[in-house]
Amino acid sequence: MVRWLAPLAVMLALGGCASQAPEPAAAEPVPAKSSSKPVTRSPGLSAEAQRALARHGIQPHDTSPLTLESRCTHVNEIGTATDLNLAVAEGAVSQFAADVTMKGHGRCHFALADFKQEARTPQVLLRHAKDAKCTVRMWREQREQVTIAFNSCEKSCGGRAFDYLWPILVESRTGQCF
């Protein structure tokens, strides 16, 4: 008798976790507990989920189309040098060239001519034309920074550079990278 009680309890617990269909997206402000500025509702999140996030001071990512211009260079404390030229308007990438040199490990080079844009929102998605596994994604972090991340792009790098490649962060107001 005890053997069938455990699976029954699990099924009842999981049944209680069933969710309703998400509400349509709206640009309705949701007050945040720890922030004085309103949070814009994200598509696909119910009002209840928005309230739960706000209670914990968590703001959902801004999924509006990305607009950003950056021409920057940066060398960090360990000698990784980044050179970025980027222009994105309403999620459409018109310029993208990134060179990242990892001191003692090699260099990675990315150019828009080698990629095809597959998505504008919720993240900009570029896929390498000759290496379908290689993708570059760009998204806004809490309206202050933009992250440019590289996935499975070993062929765009020399030596063991890809093993040491981190995302590039760009300050959205100034275009400065770090």
Protein backbone atom coordinates (compact mmCIF):
# COMPACT_ATOMS: atom_id res chain seq x y z
CA MET A 1 0.00 0.00 0.00
CA VAL A 2 2.82 2.43 0.83
CA ARG A 3 4.44 1.76 -2.56
CA TRP A 4 1.65 3.44 -4.53
CA LEU A 5 1.24 6.37 -2.12
CA ALA A 6 4.57 7.98 -3.07
CA PRO A 7 3.83 8.13 -6.84
CA LEU A 8 0.31 9.35 -6.09
CA ALA A 9 1.69 12.14 -3.89
CA VAL A 10 4.14 13.17 -6.62
CA MET A 11 1.37 13.25 -9.26
CA LEU A 12 -0.86 15.36 -6.98
CA ALA A 13 2.00 17.76 -6.24
CA LEU A 14 2.84 18.14 -9.93
CA GLY A 15 -0.83 18.60 -10.78
CA GLY A 16 -0.87 21.59 -8.44
CA CYS A 17 2.00 23.13 -10.43
CA ALA A 18 0.07 23.21 -13.70
CA SER A 19 0.00 26.71 -15.11
CA GLN A 20 -2.61 28.65 -16.99
CA ALA A 21 -2.08 30.03 -20.48
CA PRO A 22 0.07 33.17 -20.33
CA GLU A 23 -1.64 36.53 -20.55
CA PRO A 24 -1.06 38.61 -23.66
CA ALA A 25 1.93 40.92 -23.43
CA ALA A 26 1.33 44.46 -22.32
CA ALA A 27 3.56 47.42 -21.66
CA GLU A 28 2.09 47.91 -18.21
CA PRO A 29 4.35 49.12 -15.40
CA VAL A 30 4.75 46.79 -12.45
CA PRO A 31 6.13 48.42 -9.30
CA ALA A 32 9.43 47.00 -8.07
CA LYS A 33 10.06 46.67 -4.34
CA SER A 34 13.68 47.81 -4.35
CA SER A 35 13.57 50.25 -7.24
CA SER A 36 11.77 53.53 -7.67
CA LYS A 37 11.45 53.18 -11.44
CA PRO A 38 8.64 51.02 -12.93
CA VAL A 39 9.35 47.71 -14.61
CA THR A 40 7.97 47.04 -18.09
CA ARG A 41 6.01 43.82 -18.35
CA SER A 42 7.74 41.13 -20.38
CA PRO A 43 5.84 39.16 -23.01
CA GLY A 44 4.87 35.68 -21.84
CA LEU A 45 4.95 36.44 -18.10
CA SER A 46 1.65 36.45 -16.25
CA ALA A 47 0.69 39.31 -13.95
CA GLU A 48 1.23 36.96 -11.00
CA ALA A 49 4.77 36.14 -12.17
CA GLN A 50 5.48 39.86 -12.64
CA ARG A 51 4.30 40.58 -9.08
CA ALA A 52 6.42 37.72 -7.69
CA LEU A 53 9.51 39.06 -9.47
CA ALA A 54 8.79 42.60 -8.22
CA ARG A 55 8.40 41.37 -4.61
CA HIS A 56 11.96 40.04 -4.78
CA GLY A 57 13.34 43.12 -6.53
CA ILE A 58 13.95 41.18 -9.76
CA GLN A 59 13.34 42.93 -13.04
CA PRO A 60 12.73 40.90 -16.22
CA HIS A 61 15.02 41.48 -19.18
CA ASP A 62 13.99 44.20 -21.58
CA THR A 63 12.97 42.41 -24.77
CA SER A 64 12.38 45.48 -26.92
CA PRO A 65 14.44 45.65 -30.13
CA LEU A 66 18.07 46.54 -29.44
CA THR A 67 19.53 49.83 -30.66
CA LEU A 68 23.23 50.43 -29.99
CA GLU A 69 26.34 51.94 -31.54
CA SER A 70 29.81 51.17 -30.29
CA ARG A 71 33.35 51.71 -31.53
CA CYS A 72 35.51 50.74 -28.62
CA THR A 73 38.75 49.15 -27.56
CA HIS A 74 39.56 47.73 -24.17
CA VAL A 75 42.41 45.81 -22.56
CA ASN A 76 41.63 44.10 -19.26
CA GLU A 77 43.89 43.31 -16.31
CA ILE A 78 45.13 39.99 -17.74
CA GLY A 79 45.92 41.40 -21.18
CA THR A 80 42.82 40.41 -23.17
CA ALA A 81 42.37 43.08 -25.87
CA THR A 82 38.94 43.75 -27.37
CA ASP A 83 38.29 45.86 -30.47
CA LEU A 84 34.59 46.24 -31.35
CA ASN A 85 32.72 48.07 -34.12
CA LEU A 86 28.97 47.56 -33.77
CA ALA A 87 25.82 49.25 -35.08
CA VAL A 88 22.36 47.85 -34.35
CA ALA A 89 19.11 49.73 -35.03
CA GLU A 90 15.77 48.27 -33.92
CA GLY A 91 17.40 44.82 -33.75
CA ALA A 92 18.89 44.96 -37.27
CA VAL A 93 22.69 44.67 -37.30
CA SER A 94 24.34 46.89 -39.93
CA GLN A 95 27.93 46.74 -38.63
CA PHE A 96 29.66 44.05 -36.60
CA ALA A 97 33.36 43.44 -36.32
CA ALA A 98 34.94 42.07 -33.17
CA ASP A 99 38.58 41.16 -32.60
CA VAL A 100 39.50 39.67 -29.26
CA THR A 101 43.10 38.74 -28.54
CA MET A 102 43.78 36.57 -25.50
CA LYS A 103 47.36 37.15 -24.41
CA GLY A 104 49.33 33.93 -24.96
CA HIS A 105 46.33 31.98 -26.29
CA GLY A 106 45.43 33.42 -29.71
CA ARG A 107 42.88 35.66 -31.37
CA CYS A 108 39.20 35.47 -32.33
CA HIS A 109 37.81 37.47 -35.25
CA PHE A 110 34.12 37.99 -36.05
CA ALA A 111 32.78 39.98 -39.02
CA LEU A 112 29.19 40.61 -40.11
CA ALA A 113 30.00 39.40 -43.65
CA ASP A 114 30.53 35.89 -42.23
CA PHE A 115 27.11 35.79 -40.52
CA LYS A 116 23.41 35.79 -41.37
CA GLN A 117 20.98 37.48 -39.02
CA GLU A 118 18.26 35.08 -37.88
CA ALA A 119 16.45 37.06 -35.17
CA ARG A 120 15.98 40.64 -33.98
CA THR A 121 14.04 39.97 -30.75
CA PRO A 122 14.03 38.99 -27.94
CA GLN A 123 17.77 38.67 -28.66
CA VAL A 124 19.72 39.56 -31.77
CA LEU A 125 20.89 36.26 -33.24
CA LEU A 126 23.63 35.96 -35.85
CA ARG A 127 24.53 32.52 -37.27
CA HIS A 128 27.82 31.88 -39.08
CA ALA A 129 27.23 31.26 -42.80
CA LYS A 130 29.74 28.38 -43.03
CA ASP A 131 29.57 26.98 -39.48
CA ALA A 132 25.92 26.65 -38.42
CA LYS A 133 26.87 25.82 -34.82
CA CYS A 134 28.58 29.20 -34.39
CA THR A 135 26.19 31.87 -33.11
CA VAL A 136 26.53 35.37 -31.74
CA ARG A 137 23.75 36.65 -29.49
CA MET A 138 23.19 40.19 -28.24
CA TRP A 139 20.81 41.24 -25.50
CA ARG A 140 20.20 44.08 -23.08
CA GLU A 141 20.88 43.55 -19.37
CA GLN A 142 18.58 45.72 -17.23
CA ARG A 143 18.81 48.62 -19.76
CA GLU A 144 22.37 49.46 -18.71
CA GLN A 145 24.59 46.93 -20.45
CA VAL A 146 24.45 44.92 -23.64
CA THR A 147 25.97 41.45 -23.69
CA ILE A 148 27.52 40.03 -26.87
CA ALA A 149 28.04 36.30 -26.42
CA PHE A 150 29.69 33.73 -28.69
CA ASN A 151 28.68 30.07 -28.85
CA SER A 152 30.50 27.19 -30.59
CA CYS A 153 32.70 29.54 -32.65
CA GLU A 154 36.01 27.71 -32.31
CA LYS A 155 36.67 28.00 -36.08
CA SER A 156 36.64 31.81 -35.79
CA CYS A 157 39.57 31.67 -33.39
CA GLY A 158 43.23 30.75 -33.63
CA GLY A 159 45.12 28.67 -31.11
CA ARG A 160 43.13 27.95 -27.97
CA ALA A 161 41.64 31.45 -27.89
CA PHE A 162 38.01 30.29 -27.90
CA ASP A 163 38.61 28.42 -24.62
CA TYR A 164 39.31 31.82 -23.05
CA LEU A 165 36.70 33.95 -24.87
CA TRP A 166 34.20 35.66 -22.59
CA PRO A 167 31.20 37.72 -23.69
CA ILE A 168 31.81 41.35 -24.53
CA LEU A 169 29.89 43.81 -22.37
CA VAL A 170 28.96 47.24 -23.73
CA GLU A 171 27.63 50.16 -21.73
CA SER A 172 24.42 51.01 -23.61
CA ARG A 173 24.52 54.78 -22.97
CA THR A 174 28.19 55.42 -23.85
CA GLY A 175 29.07 52.51 -26.15
CA GLN A 176 32.16 51.75 -24.03
CA CYS A 177 33.10 48.06 -23.89
CA PHE A 178 34.64 46.13 -21.04
